[in-house]
C-alpha atoms as a PDB file:
ATOM      1  CA  MET A   1     -58.094 307.968-306.786  1.00  0.00           C
ATOM      2  CA  PRO A   2     -61.639 308.632-306.709  1.00  0.00           C
ATOM      3  CA  HIS A   3     -62.786 310.101-303.467  1.00  0.00           C
ATOM      4  CA  ASN A   4     -65.303 307.247-302.554  1.00  0.00           C
ATOM      5  CA  SER A   5     -62.624 304.879-302.339  1.00  0.00           C
ATOM      6  CA  ILE A   6     -59.726 306.967-300.511  1.00  0.00           C
ATOM      7  CA  ARG A   7     -62.452 307.349-297.785  1.00  0.00           C
ATOM      8  CA  ARG A   8     -63.491 303.471-297.915  1.00  0.00           C
ATOM      9  CA  LEU A   9     -59.698 302.640-297.654  1.00  0.00           C
ATOM     10  CA  PRO A  10     -59.458 303.065-293.711  1.00  0.00           C
ATOM     11  CA  LEU A  11     -62.597 301.034-293.196  1.00  0.00           C
ATOM     12  CA  LEU A  12     -60.719 297.815-295.217  1.00  0.00           C
ATOM     13  CA  LEU A  13     -57.566 297.934-293.010  1.00  0.00           C
ATOM     14  CA  MET A  14     -59.513 298.313-290.049  1.00  0.00           C
ATOM     15  CA  ALA A  15     -61.661 295.234-291.228  1.00  0.00           C
ATOM     16  CA  LEU A  16     -58.078 293.412-292.361  1.00  0.00           C
ATOM     17  CA  SER A  17     -56.574 294.529-288.775  1.00  0.00           C
ATOM     18  CA  ALA A  18     -60.057 292.755-286.538  1.00  0.00           C
ATOM     19  CA  LEU A  19     -59.459 289.481-288.837  1.00  0.00           C
ATOM     20  CA  THR A  20     -55.979 288.973-287.975  1.00  0.00           C
ATOM     21  CA  THR A  21     -56.873 289.139-284.313  1.00  0.00           C
ATOM     22  CA  LEU A  22     -59.351 287.143-283.930  1.00  0.00           C
ATOM     23  CA  PRO A  23     -58.693 283.694-281.469  1.00  0.00           C
ATOM     24  CA  SER A  24     -57.981 280.574-283.580  1.00  0.00           C
ATOM     25  CA  HIS A  25     -60.182 277.677-282.830  1.00  0.00           C
ATOM     26  CA  GLY A  26     -57.673 275.310-283.521  1.00  0.00           C
ATOM     27  CA  GLU A  27     -57.693 271.721-284.861  1.00  0.00           C
ATOM     28  CA  THR A  28     -58.405 268.256-283.660  1.00  0.00           C
ATOM     29  CA  MET A  29     -55.913 265.463-283.020  1.00  0.00           C
ATOM     30  CA  LEU A  30     -57.360 261.994-283.201  1.00  0.00           C
ATOM     31  CA  LEU A  31     -54.910 259.366-281.666  1.00  0.00           C
ATOM     32  CA  THR A  32     -55.679 255.602-280.973  1.00  0.00           C
ATOM     33  CA  GLY A  33     -54.947 253.819-277.707  1.00  0.00           C
ATOM     34  CA  GLU A  34     -56.857 251.472-275.611  1.00  0.00           C
ATOM     35  CA  VAL A  35     -57.723 250.773-272.393  1.00  0.00           C
ATOM     36  CA  ALA A  36     -55.136 249.787-269.621  1.00  0.00           C
ATOM     37  CA  ALA A  37     -54.941 249.652-265.879  1.00  0.00           C
ATOM     38  CA  LEU A  38     -52.832 251.674-263.817  1.00  0.00           C
ATOM     39  CA  GLU A  39     -51.704 248.747-261.986  1.00  0.00           C
ATOM     40  CA  ALA A  40     -51.082 245.254-263.237  1.00  0.00           C
ATOM     41  CA  GLN A  41     -49.242 241.891-262.181  1.00  0.00           C
ATOM     42  CA  SER A  42     -46.594 241.335-264.970  1.00  0.00           C
ATOM     43  CA  LEU A  43     -46.154 237.680-265.488  1.00  0.00           C
ATOM     44  CA  THR A  44     -42.284 236.752-266.676  1.00  0.00           C
ATOM     45  CA  VAL A  45     -39.886 234.245-267.068  1.00  0.00           C
ATOM     46  CA  PRO A  46     -38.702 233.140-263.942  1.00  0.00           C
ATOM     47  CA  ARG A  47     -35.095 232.173-263.555  1.00  0.00           C
ATOM     48  CA  ALA A  48     -34.969 228.321-262.725  1.00  0.00           C
ATOM     49  CA  GLY A  49     -31.379 226.548-262.923  1.00  0.00           C
ATOM     50  CA  ARG A  50     -29.099 227.024-265.509  1.00  0.00           C
ATOM     51  CA  ALA A  51     -31.224 227.436-268.470  1.00  0.00           C
ATOM     52  CA  TRP A  52     -32.194 230.876-269.948  1.00  0.00           C
ATOM     53  CA  ARG A  53     -35.649 229.860-271.608  1.00  0.00           C
ATOM     54  CA  TYR A  54     -38.261 227.947-270.916  1.00  0.00           C
ATOM     55  CA  GLN A  55     -40.802 226.229-273.076  1.00  0.00           C
ATOM     56  CA  ILE A  56     -44.633 227.652-271.706  1.00  0.00           C
ATOM     57  CA  GLN A  57     -46.607 224.297-271.310  1.00  0.00           C
ATOM     58  CA  TRP A  58     -49.977 225.978-269.846  1.00  0.00           C
ATOM     59  CA  MET A  59     -51.484 229.056-269.634  1.00  0.00           C
ATOM     60  CA  ALA A  60     -55.423 230.262-268.707  1.00  0.00           C
ATOM     61  CA  GLU A  61     -57.529 231.427-270.955  1.00  0.00           C
ATOM     62  CA  GLU A  62     -57.027 234.828-272.411  1.00  0.00           C
ATOM     63  CA  GLY A  63     -59.505 236.815-271.154  1.00  0.00           C
ATOM     64  CA  SER A  64     -60.570 234.859-268.593  1.00  0.00           C
ATOM     65  CA  MET A  65     -60.942 236.190-264.870  1.00  0.00           C
ATOM     66  CA  VAL A  66     -58.535 234.213-262.643  1.00  0.00           C
ATOM     67  CA  LYS A  67     -58.750 234.796-258.637  1.00  0.00           C
ATOM     68  CA  ALA A  68     -55.782 235.526-256.319  1.00  0.00           C
ATOM     69  CA  GLY A  69     -53.587 232.646-255.795  1.00  0.00           C
ATOM     70  CA  ASP A  70     -55.062 231.118-259.223  1.00  0.00           C
ATOM     71  CA  PRO A  71     -52.069 228.741-261.318  1.00  0.00           C
ATOM     72  CA  VAL A  72     -52.088 230.975-264.489  1.00  0.00           C
ATOM     73  CA  VAL A  73     -48.469 230.046-266.388  1.00  0.00           C
ATOM     74  CA  ILE A  74     -46.884 226.525-265.968  1.00  0.00           C
ATOM     75  CA  PHE A  75     -43.632 226.752-267.681  1.00  0.00           C
ATOM     76  CA  ASP A  76     -41.809 223.112-268.871  1.00  0.00           C
ATOM     77  CA  LYS A  77     -40.534 221.627-265.824  1.00  0.00           C
ATOM     78  CA  GLY A  78     -38.720 218.715-267.330  1.00  0.00           C
ATOM     79  CA  THR A  79     -35.005 219.814-266.454  1.00  0.00           C
ATOM     80  CA  ILE A  80     -36.005 221.315-262.891  1.00  0.00           C
ATOM     81  CA  THR A  81     -38.201 217.526-262.517  1.00  0.00           C
ATOM     82  CA  SER A  82     -34.846 215.893-262.991  1.00  0.00           C
ATOM     83  CA  GLN A  83     -32.777 217.854-260.863  1.00  0.00           C
ATOM     84  CA  VAL A  84     -35.370 217.254-257.877  1.00  0.00           C
ATOM     85  CA  ASP A  85     -35.265 213.647-258.402  1.00  0.00           C
ATOM     86  CA  GLN A  86     -31.611 213.757-258.189  1.00  0.00           C
ATOM     87  CA  ASN A  87     -31.292 215.939-254.949  1.00  0.00           C
ATOM     88  CA  GLN A  88     -33.555 213.577-253.602  1.00  0.00           C
ATOM     89  CA  ALA A  89     -32.146 210.424-253.874  1.00  0.00           C
ATOM     90  CA  GLN A  90     -28.730 212.079-253.089  1.00  0.00           C
ATOM     91  CA  LEU A  91     -31.079 213.183-249.467  1.00  0.00           C
ATOM     92  CA  ILE A  92     -31.714 209.596-248.986  1.00  0.00           C
ATOM     93  CA  GLN A  93     -27.742 208.202-249.182  1.00  0.00           C
ATOM     94  CA  VAL A  94     -26.871 210.489-247.399  1.00  0.00           C
ATOM     95  CA  LYS A  95     -29.513 209.989-244.610  1.00  0.00           C
ATOM     96  CA  ALA A  96     -28.425 206.299-244.803  1.00  0.00           C
ATOM     97  CA  ALA A  97     -24.710 206.980-244.626  1.00  0.00           C
ATOM     98  CA  ARG A  98     -25.634 209.010-241.633  1.00  0.00           C
ATOM     99  CA  GLN A  99     -27.700 206.422-240.093  1.00  0.00           C
ATOM    100  CA  ALA A 100     -24.938 203.484-240.888  1.00  0.00           C
ATOM    101  CA  LYS A 101     -21.969 205.853-239.388  1.00  0.00           C
ATOM    102  CA  LEU A 102     -24.089 206.523-236.292  1.00  0.00           C
ATOM    103  CA  VAL A 103     -24.428 203.011-235.718  1.00  0.00           C
ATOM    104  CA  GLU A 104     -20.682 202.803-235.817  1.00  0.00           C
ATOM    105  CA  LEU A 105     -19.603 205.352-233.495  1.00  0.00           C
ATOM    106  CA  GLU A 106     -22.295 203.701-231.207  1.00  0.00           C
ATOM    107  CA  GLN A 107     -20.671 200.610-231.347  1.00  0.00           C
ATOM    108  CA  ARG A 108     -17.088 201.979-231.220  1.00  0.00           C
ATOM    109  CA  ARG A 109     -18.196 204.201-227.802  1.00  0.00           C
ATOM    110  CA  LEU A 110     -19.413 200.855-226.432  1.00  0.00           C
ATOM    111  CA  GLN A 111     -16.646 199.222-227.186  1.00  0.00           C
ATOM    112  CA  ALA A 112     -13.998 202.411-225.752  1.00  0.00           C
ATOM    113  CA  GLU A 113     -16.543 202.041-222.404  1.00  0.00           C
ATOM    114  CA  PHE A 114     -16.297 198.777-222.619  1.00  0.00           C
ATOM    115  CA  ASP A 115     -12.019 198.594-222.739  1.00  0.00           C
ATOM    116  CA  PHE A 116     -12.170 201.365-219.785  1.00  0.00           C
ATOM    117  CA  LYS A 117     -14.312 199.739-217.155  1.00  0.00           C
ATOM    118  CA  GLN A 118     -12.559 196.475-217.945  1.00  0.00           C
ATOM    119  CA  ARG A 119      -8.844 198.302-217.324  1.00  0.00           C
ATOM    120  CA  GLN A 120     -10.333 199.899-214.216  1.00  0.00           C
ATOM    121  CA  LEU A 121     -11.294 196.552-212.414  1.00  0.00           C
ATOM    122  CA  GLN A 122      -7.954 195.405-213.123  1.00  0.00           C
ATOM    123  CA  GLN A 123      -6.215 198.364-212.159  1.00  0.00           C
ATOM    124  CA  GLU A 124      -8.025 198.215-208.643  1.00  0.00           C
ATOM    125  CA  LYS A 125      -7.202 194.180-208.394  1.00  0.00           C
ATOM    126  CA  ALA A 126      -3.415 195.208-209.264  1.00  0.00           C
ATOM    127  CA  LYS A 127      -3.786 198.265-206.797  1.00  0.00           C
ATOM    128  CA  LEU A 128      -5.512 195.616-203.718  1.00  0.00           C
ATOM    129  CA  ASP A 129      -2.567 193.413-204.558  1.00  0.00           C
ATOM    130  CA  ALA A 130       0.718 196.213-204.407  1.00  0.00           C
ATOM    131  CA  ASP A 131      -1.009 196.812-201.193  1.00  0.00           C
ATOM    132  CA  VAL A 132      -0.027 193.889-199.387  1.00  0.00           C
ATOM    133  CA  PRO A 133       2.824 195.089-196.826  1.00  0.00           C
ATOM    134  CA  PRO A 134       6.333 193.569-197.841  1.00  0.00           C
ATOM    135  CA  ASP A 135       6.402 192.031-194.131  1.00  0.00           C
ATOM    136  CA  PHE A 136       3.767 189.019-195.467  1.00  0.00           C
ATOM    137  CA  GLN A 137       5.379 188.619-198.751  1.00  0.00           C
ATOM    138  CA  SER A 138       8.606 188.044-200.394  1.00  0.00           C
ATOM    139  CA  PRO A 139      10.630 190.750-201.771  1.00  0.00           C
ATOM    140  CA  LYS A 140      10.171 188.969-205.437  1.00  0.00           C
ATOM    141  CA  GLU A 141       6.108 188.861-204.752  1.00  0.00           C
ATOM    142  CA  TYR A 142       6.335 192.548-203.637  1.00  0.00           C
ATOM    143  CA  ALA A 143       8.598 194.149-206.586  1.00  0.00           C
ATOM    144  CA  ASP A 144       5.745 192.239-209.105  1.00  0.00           C
ATOM    145  CA  LYS A 145       2.838 193.356-207.930  1.00  0.00           C
ATOM    146  CA  GLN A 146       4.218 197.310-207.483  1.00  0.00           C
ATOM    147  CA  PHE A 147       5.304 196.529-211.106  1.00  0.00           C
ATOM    148  CA  GLU A 148       1.539 194.894-212.216  1.00  0.00           C
ATOM    149  CA  LEU A 149       0.171 197.882-210.264  1.00  0.00           C
ATOM    150  CA  MET A 150       1.881 200.641-212.437  1.00  0.00           C
ATOM    151  CA  LYS A 151       1.491 198.681-215.570  1.00  0.00           C
ATOM    152  CA  ALA A 152      -2.436 198.515-214.834  1.00  0.00           C
ATOM    153  CA  ASP A 153      -1.949 202.237-214.363  1.00  0.00           C
ATOM    154  CA  GLY A 154      -0.612 202.634-217.739  1.00  0.00           C
ATOM    155  CA  GLU A 155      -3.334 200.358-219.158  1.00  0.00           C
ATOM    156  CA  LEU A 156      -6.166 202.204-217.643  1.00  0.00           C
ATOM    157  CA  GLU A 157      -4.959 205.872-218.656  1.00  0.00           C
ATOM    158  CA  LYS A 158      -4.399 204.289-222.380  1.00  0.00           C
ATOM    159  CA  ALA A 159      -8.381 203.031-222.015  1.00  0.00           C
ATOM    160  CA  GLN A 160      -9.432 206.324-220.905  1.00  0.00           C
ATOM    161  CA  ARG A 161      -7.496 208.376-223.387  1.00  0.00           C
ATOM    162  CA  ALA A 162      -9.354 206.224-225.990  1.00  0.00           C
ATOM    163  CA  LEU A 163     -12.676 206.600-224.310  1.00  0.00           C
ATOM    164  CA  MET A 164     -12.021 210.490-224.631  1.00  0.00           C
ATOM    165  CA  GLU A 165     -11.106 210.230-228.307  1.00  0.00           C
ATOM    166  CA  ALA A 166     -13.924 207.920-229.254  1.00  0.00           C
ATOM    167  CA  LYS A 167     -16.473 210.187-227.748  1.00  0.00           C
ATOM    168  CA  GLN A 168     -14.739 213.565-229.473  1.00  0.00           C
ATOM    169  CA  ALA A 169     -14.972 211.651-232.911  1.00  0.00           C
ATOM    170  CA  ALA A 170     -18.042 210.893-232.326  1.00  0.00           C
ATOM    171  CA  VAL A 171     -19.442 214.471-232.125  1.00  0.00           C
ATOM    172  CA  GLU A 172     -17.119 215.643-234.567  1.00  0.00           C
ATOM    173  CA  GLU A 173     -18.387 213.194-237.052  1.00  0.00           C
ATOM    174  CA  ILE A 174     -22.047 213.774-236.064  1.00  0.00           C
ATOM    175  CA  ALA A 175     -21.362 217.409-236.622  1.00  0.00           C
ATOM    176  CA  LYS A 176     -20.356 216.270-240.176  1.00  0.00           C
ATOM    177  CA  LEU A 177     -23.151 214.440-240.813  1.00  0.00           C
ATOM    178  CA  GLU A 178     -25.647 216.775-239.563  1.00  0.00           C
ATOM    179  CA  LEU A 179     -23.412 219.262-242.312  1.00  0.00           C
ATOM    180  CA  ASP A 180     -23.991 216.956-245.213  1.00  0.00           C
ATOM    181  CA  GLN A 181     -27.915 216.352-244.350  1.00  0.00           C
ATOM    182  CA  GLU A 182     -28.559 219.929-244.123  1.00  0.00           C
ATOM    183  CA  LYS A 183     -26.745 220.317-247.204  1.00  0.00           C
ATOM    184  CA  ALA A 184     -28.723 217.969-248.839  1.00  0.00           C
ATOM    185  CA  GLU A 185     -31.832 219.015-247.759  1.00  0.00           C
ATOM    186  CA  LEU A 186     -31.372 222.760-248.996  1.00  0.00           C
ATOM    187  CA  GLU A 187     -30.605 221.663-252.333  1.00  0.00           C
ATOM    188  CA  LEU A 188     -33.525 219.620-252.468  1.00  0.00           C
ATOM    189  CA  SER A 189     -35.415 222.574-250.934  1.00  0.00           C
ATOM    190  CA  ASN A 190     -33.824 225.191-253.376  1.00  0.00           C
ATOM    191  CA  SER A 191     -34.668 222.574-256.581  1.00  0.00           C
ATOM    192  CA  GLN A 192     -38.033 222.596-255.499  1.00  0.00           C
ATOM    193  CA  GLU A 193     -38.475 226.224-255.321  1.00  0.00           C
ATOM    194  CA  LEU A 194     -37.109 226.460-258.593  1.00  0.00           C
ATOM    195  CA  MET A 195     -39.446 224.134-259.549  1.00  0.00           C
ATOM    196  CA  LYS A 196     -42.666 225.951-257.983  1.00  0.00           C
ATOM    197  CA  ASN A 197     -41.165 229.068-259.398  1.00  0.00           C
ATOM    198  CA  LEU A 198     -42.062 227.998-262.811  1.00  0.00           C
ATOM    199  CA  GLU A 199     -45.426 228.167-261.644  1.00  0.00           C
ATOM    200  CA  LEU A 200     -46.890 231.759-261.675  1.00  0.00           C
ATOM    201  CA  VAL A 201     -50.122 232.546-259.648  1.00  0.00           C
ATOM    202  CA  ALA A 202     -52.267 235.523-259.662  1.00  0.00           C
ATOM    203  CA  LYS A 203     -51.595 237.940-257.210  1.00  0.00           C
ATOM    204  CA  TYR A 204     -55.243 239.344-257.409  1.00  0.00           C
ATOM    205  CA  ASP A 205     -58.948 239.425-259.408  1.00  0.00           C
ATOM    206  CA  GLY A 206     -58.783 240.047-262.932  1.00  0.00           C
ATOM    207  CA  PRO A 207     -58.280 238.752-266.807  1.00  0.00           C
ATOM    208  CA  ILE A 208     -55.339 237.248-267.642  1.00  0.00           C
ATOM    209  CA  ILE A 209     -54.250 239.257-270.692  1.00  0.00           C
ATOM    210  CA  TYR A 210     -51.258 237.204-272.981  1.00  0.00           C
ATOM    211  CA  ALA A 211     -48.329 239.624-273.631  1.00  0.00           C
ATOM    212  CA  ARG A 212     -46.860 240.175-277.443  1.00  0.00           C
ATOM    213  CA  HIS A 213     -43.111 239.925-278.531  1.00  0.00           C
ATOM    214  CA  PRO A 214     -41.244 243.197-278.101  1.00  0.00           C
ATOM    215  CA  TRP A 215     -39.651 242.823-281.868  1.00  0.00           C
ATOM    216  CA  THR A 216     -42.087 241.133-283.527  1.00  0.00           C
ATOM    217  CA  GLY A 217     -45.305 241.747-282.252  1.00  0.00           C
ATOM    218  CA  GLU A 218     -46.687 238.064-281.918  1.00  0.00           C
ATOM    219  CA  LYS A 219     -48.750 237.265-278.946  1.00  0.00           C
ATOM    220  CA  THR A 220     -47.319 234.633-276.225  1.00  0.00           C
ATOM    221  CA  GLU A 221     -49.256 231.472-276.649  1.00  0.00           C
ATOM    222  CA  VAL A 222     -48.613 228.194-275.065  1.00  0.00           C
ATOM    223  CA  GLY A 223     -45.799 226.087-277.064  1.00  0.00           C
ATOM    224  CA  SER A 224     -43.963 229.152-277.374  1.00  0.00           C
ATOM    225  CA  THR A 225     -39.941 228.985-275.753  1.00  0.00           C
ATOM    226  CA  VAL A 226     -39.428 232.366-274.071  1.00  0.00           C
ATOM    227  CA  GLN A 227     -36.010 234.076-272.533  1.00  0.00           C
ATOM    228  CA  ILE A 228     -35.813 234.332-268.387  1.00  0.00           C
ATOM    229  CA  GLY A 229     -37.411 237.922-267.662  1.00  0.00           C
ATOM    230  CA  THR A 230     -39.691 238.068-270.788  1.00  0.00           C
ATOM    231  CA  PRO A 231     -43.335 239.074-269.993  1.00  0.00           C
ATOM    232  CA  VAL A 232     -45.529 236.277-270.984  1.00  0.00           C
ATOM    233  CA  ALA A 233     -48.998 237.841-269.711  1.00  0.00           C
ATOM    234  CA  SER A 234     -50.347 240.349-267.052  1.00  0.00           C
ATOM    235  CA  ILE A 235     -53.497 240.485-265.032  1.00  0.00           C
ATOM    236  CA  PRO A 236     -54.483 244.604-264.945  1.00  0.00           C
ATOM    237  CA  LYS A 237     -56.181 245.530-261.286  1.00  0.00           C
ATOM    238  CA  PHE A 238     -59.813 246.784-261.719  1.00  0.00           C
ATOM    239  CA  ASP A 239     -59.167 249.333-258.988  1.00  0.00           C
ATOM    240  CA  GLU A 240     -58.241 252.220-261.334  1.00  0.00           C
ATOM    241  CA  LEU A 241     -58.508 251.961-265.421  1.00  0.00           C
ATOM    242  CA  ALA A 242     -57.040 254.866-267.363  1.00  0.00           C
ATOM    243  CA  ILE A 243     -56.264 255.523-271.321  1.00  0.00           C
ATOM    244  CA  GLN A 244     -52.918 254.087-272.812  1.00  0.00           C
ATOM    245  CA  ALA A 245     -52.798 256.532-276.265  1.00  0.00           C
ATOM    246  CA  TRP A 246     -49.808 256.824-278.836  1.00  0.00           C
ATOM    247  CA  ALA A 247     -48.760 259.851-281.004  1.00  0.00           C
ATOM    248  CA  ASN A 248     -45.980 260.287-283.611  1.00  0.00           C
ATOM    249  CA  GLU A 249     -42.718 262.231-283.274  1.00  0.00           C
ATOM    250  CA  VAL A 250     -44.810 265.213-285.413  1.00  0.00           C
ATOM    251  CA  GLU A 251     -48.133 265.066-282.945  1.00  0.00           C
ATOM    252  CA  ILE A 252     -46.011 264.533-279.852  1.00  0.00           C
ATOM    253  CA  ASP A 253     -44.548 268.458-279.194  1.00  0.00           C
ATOM    254  CA  ALA A 254     -48.790 269.959-279.617  1.00  0.00           C
ATOM    255  CA  ILE A 255     -49.633 267.677-276.557  1.00  0.00           C
ATOM    256  CA  LYS A 256     -48.965 268.858-273.314  1.00  0.00           C
ATOM    257  CA  PRO A 257     -50.447 267.747-269.967  1.00  0.00           C
ATOM    258  CA  GLY A 258     -53.549 268.988-268.155  1.00  0.00           C
ATOM    259  CA  MET A 259     -55.028 269.313-271.755  1.00  0.00           C
ATOM    260  CA  SER A 260     -58.576 268.011-271.752  1.00  0.00           C
ATOM    261  CA  VAL A 261     -59.844 264.723-274.089  1.00  0.00           C
ATOM    262  CA  THR A 262     -63.048 263.045-275.675  1.00  0.00           C
ATOM    263  CA  VAL A 263     -62.294 259.348-275.338  1.00  0.00           C
ATOM    264  CA  PHE A 264     -64.840 257.026-277.897  1.00  0.00           C
ATOM    265  CA  LEU A 265     -65.288 253.398-277.572  1.00  0.00           C
ATOM    266  CA  ASP A 266     -64.419 251.924-280.778  1.00  0.00           C
ATOM    267  CA  ALA A 267     -67.008 248.722-279.527  1.00  0.00           C
ATOM    268  CA  ASP A 268     -69.712 251.228-279.173  1.00  0.00           C
ATOM    269  CA  THR A 269     -69.239 255.015-280.607  1.00  0.00           C
ATOM    270  CA  GLN A 270     -72.212 256.094-278.722  1.00  0.00           C
ATOM    271  CA  VAL A 271     -70.200 255.600-275.526  1.00  0.00           C
ATOM    272  CA  VAL A 272     -68.165 259.512-274.753  1.00  0.00           C
ATOM    273  CA  LEU A 273     -65.773 259.470-272.226  1.00  0.00           C
ATOM    274  CA  GLU A 274     -64.191 262.688-270.802  1.00  0.00           C
ATOM    275  CA  GLY A 275     -60.485 262.747-269.541  1.00  0.00           C
ATOM    276  CA  LYS A 276     -57.101 264.651-269.104  1.00  0.00           C
ATOM    277  CA  VAL A 277     -53.580 263.979-270.222  1.00  0.00           C
ATOM    278  CA  LYS A 278     -51.953 262.945-267.350  1.00  0.00           C
ATOM    279  CA  GLN A 279     -48.313 262.375-268.670  1.00  0.00           C
ATOM    280  CA  VAL A 280     -46.794 262.219-272.382  1.00  0.00           C
ATOM    281  CA  ALA A 281     -43.349 260.267-272.250  1.00  0.00           C
ATOM    282  CA  GLN A 282     -40.481 262.053-273.151  1.00  0.00           C
ATOM    283  CA  LYS A 283     -38.630 259.200-275.153  1.00  0.00           C
ATOM    284  CA  GLY A 284     -40.454 257.674-278.559  1.00  0.00           C
ATOM    285  CA  ILE A 285     -40.300 253.638-279.419  1.00  0.00           C
ATOM    286  CA  ARG A 286     -40.923 251.733-282.613  1.00  0.00           C
ATOM    287  CA  LYS A 287     -43.999 250.044-282.520  1.00  0.00           C
ATOM    288  CA  PRO A 288     -44.231 246.762-285.197  1.00  0.00           C
ATOM    289  CA  GLY A 289     -46.535 247.481-288.092  1.00  0.00           C
ATOM    290  CA  TRP A 290     -46.482 250.935-287.453  1.00  0.00           C
ATOM    291  CA  GLY A 291     -43.897 252.170-289.821  1.00  0.00           C
ATOM    292  CA  ASN A 292     -40.835 253.926-289.450  1.00  0.00           C
ATOM    293  CA  SER A 293     -41.790 256.857-287.041  1.00  0.00           C
ATOM    294  CA  ASN A 294     -41.427 257.133-283.605  1.00  0.00           C
ATOM    295  CA  TRP A 295     -44.509 256.575-281.008  1.00  0.00           C
ATOM    296  CA  PHE A 296     -45.001 258.177-277.690  1.00  0.00           C
ATOM    297  CA  GLN A 297     -46.712 257.099-274.915  1.00  0.00           C
ATOM    298  CA  VAL A 298     -49.860 259.655-273.907  1.00  0.00           C
ATOM    299  CA  GLY A 299     -51.145 258.892-270.218  1.00  0.00           C
ATOM    300  CA  VAL A 300     -54.802 260.268-269.831  1.00  0.00           C
ATOM    301  CA  THR A 301     -57.125 259.375-267.001  1.00  0.00           C
ATOM    302  CA  LEU A 302     -60.969 259.129-267.122  1.00  0.00           C
ATOM    303  CA  GLY A 303     -63.671 261.250-265.424  1.00  0.00           C
ATOM    304  CA  ASP A 304     -66.755 259.601-264.574  1.00  0.00           C
ATOM    305  CA  SER A 305     -66.649 256.368-266.162  1.00  0.00           C
ATOM    306  CA  LYS A 306     -68.886 254.524-264.005  1.00  0.00           C
ATOM    307  CA  GLN A 307     -71.911 254.217-266.487  1.00  0.00           C
ATOM    308  CA  VAL A 308     -70.237 251.839-268.848  1.00  0.00           C
ATOM    309  CA  GLU A 309     -68.049 248.807-267.822  1.00  0.00           C
ATOM    310  CA  LEU A 310     -64.619 248.721-269.470  1.00  0.00           C
ATOM    311  CA  MET A 311     -61.949 246.105-269.499  1.00  0.00           C
ATOM    312  CA  PRO A 312     -58.365 246.534-270.145  1.00  0.00           C
ATOM    313  CA  GLY A 313     -57.463 245.736-273.531  1.00  0.00           C
ATOM    314  CA  MET A 314     -60.220 247.768-275.260  1.00  0.00           C
ATOM    315  CA  SER A 315     -59.274 250.077-278.408  1.00  0.00           C
ATOM    316  CA  VAL A 316     -60.490 253.529-278.504  1.00  0.00           C
ATOM    317  CA  ARG A 317     -59.645 257.177-280.306  1.00  0.00           C
ATOM    318  CA  VAL A 318     -59.153 260.076-278.302  1.00  0.00           C
ATOM    319  CA  GLU A 319     -59.949 263.108-279.592  1.00  0.00           C
ATOM    320  CA  LEU A 320     -58.216 266.748-278.212  1.00  0.00           C
ATOM    321  CA  GLU A 321     -58.310 270.153-279.139  1.00  0.00           C
ATOM    322  CA  VAL A 322     -54.480 271.608-280.383  1.00  0.00           C
ATOM    323  CA  LYS A 323     -53.118 274.931-281.110  1.00  0.00           C
ATOM    324  CA  SER A 324     -52.970 275.000-285.062  1.00  0.00           C
END
C-alpha cells in the first residue's frame, strides 16, 4: 500500500465515526383527526316501556345551534300514548268507583247510627217501665217489663256493635280505595314520565351533531329505528376544545404523551395551531371504511387557539416528529 494512502486511513475512520454519532432528526408522522369537545352531552335512545328500540320522529337540524332546555330529539310515542290513555281511563274509573263506594259507606254508617239511636230510645223506655216498683203492678206485669228491658239491652248492644263495625269497615274500605287511586295515579305518572323521556332536551347551548352507527358508519337521521342505549346525536360544550386524532397499529408505538404536534385545519390550511399529545389509547378499534387495521385514539390538547373559530367536527391534520 502507498505511503500516502496509509496516512489518509485514520482520517477516513474518524470521519465515519463522526457521521455515526450525529443525532437523527427523525421523521414526520401525519395523522388525521377532528376537532372535538372535551365534554359533550350524549343523546341516547331512552328506556321507555317494554319496547327495545324506537323510531326517531324528529331531530333538530344537524349543525344548528340549540339552547339549554330546547327539545332536540323526539322518538315515536305511539305505544306509550296508548298506555297513557289506558292509564287515564283506569284512573277515572277508580275515582268513580271510589266516589260510589264512599256514598255507600256513608249510607251504611248513617243507617247504623239511626238503628243505634232507635234502640237506645227503646232501651231507655224499657228501663223506665222496669223501674216501676212491683208494689204498683202485678207480678206478671213486673216480670214482663224486666224481660223487655233485658231484650232492649241486647238489641242496644247489638246495634252498638253494628255501628262500630260499620265505622271500622268504612275506615278499611276508604284506605283500600285510597291505595287503589294512588296506584292508578302512580301508573299514569310513570307512563307520562316515560312519554316525557322520549323527548330529549339540550342540557346546554351548542350545535347538535348526528351520530354514526358504530358498525355501518351510517349517520343517524329522522326515521331511523334505533336500539335502546344507542347514541343518536351529541351536543358538544364549547368551553374547551381539543383534537381527536387516530393512529394505526404500526404508528401508535412511536407516539407518546407530551410530544409536541402541529395542527392544520383542512378547511383553511393557512391556520396553524400548536398542541401536545395528552393521551394515547391502549386499545385499538376497527373503523368502518378504514381497512382492516386497528386504530388508536390520540388525544391532543391545543395551545392558544383563540385566533381562529373552531367547531367540533372540523377535520384536521396532525403532524408530529417521531424518532426514525
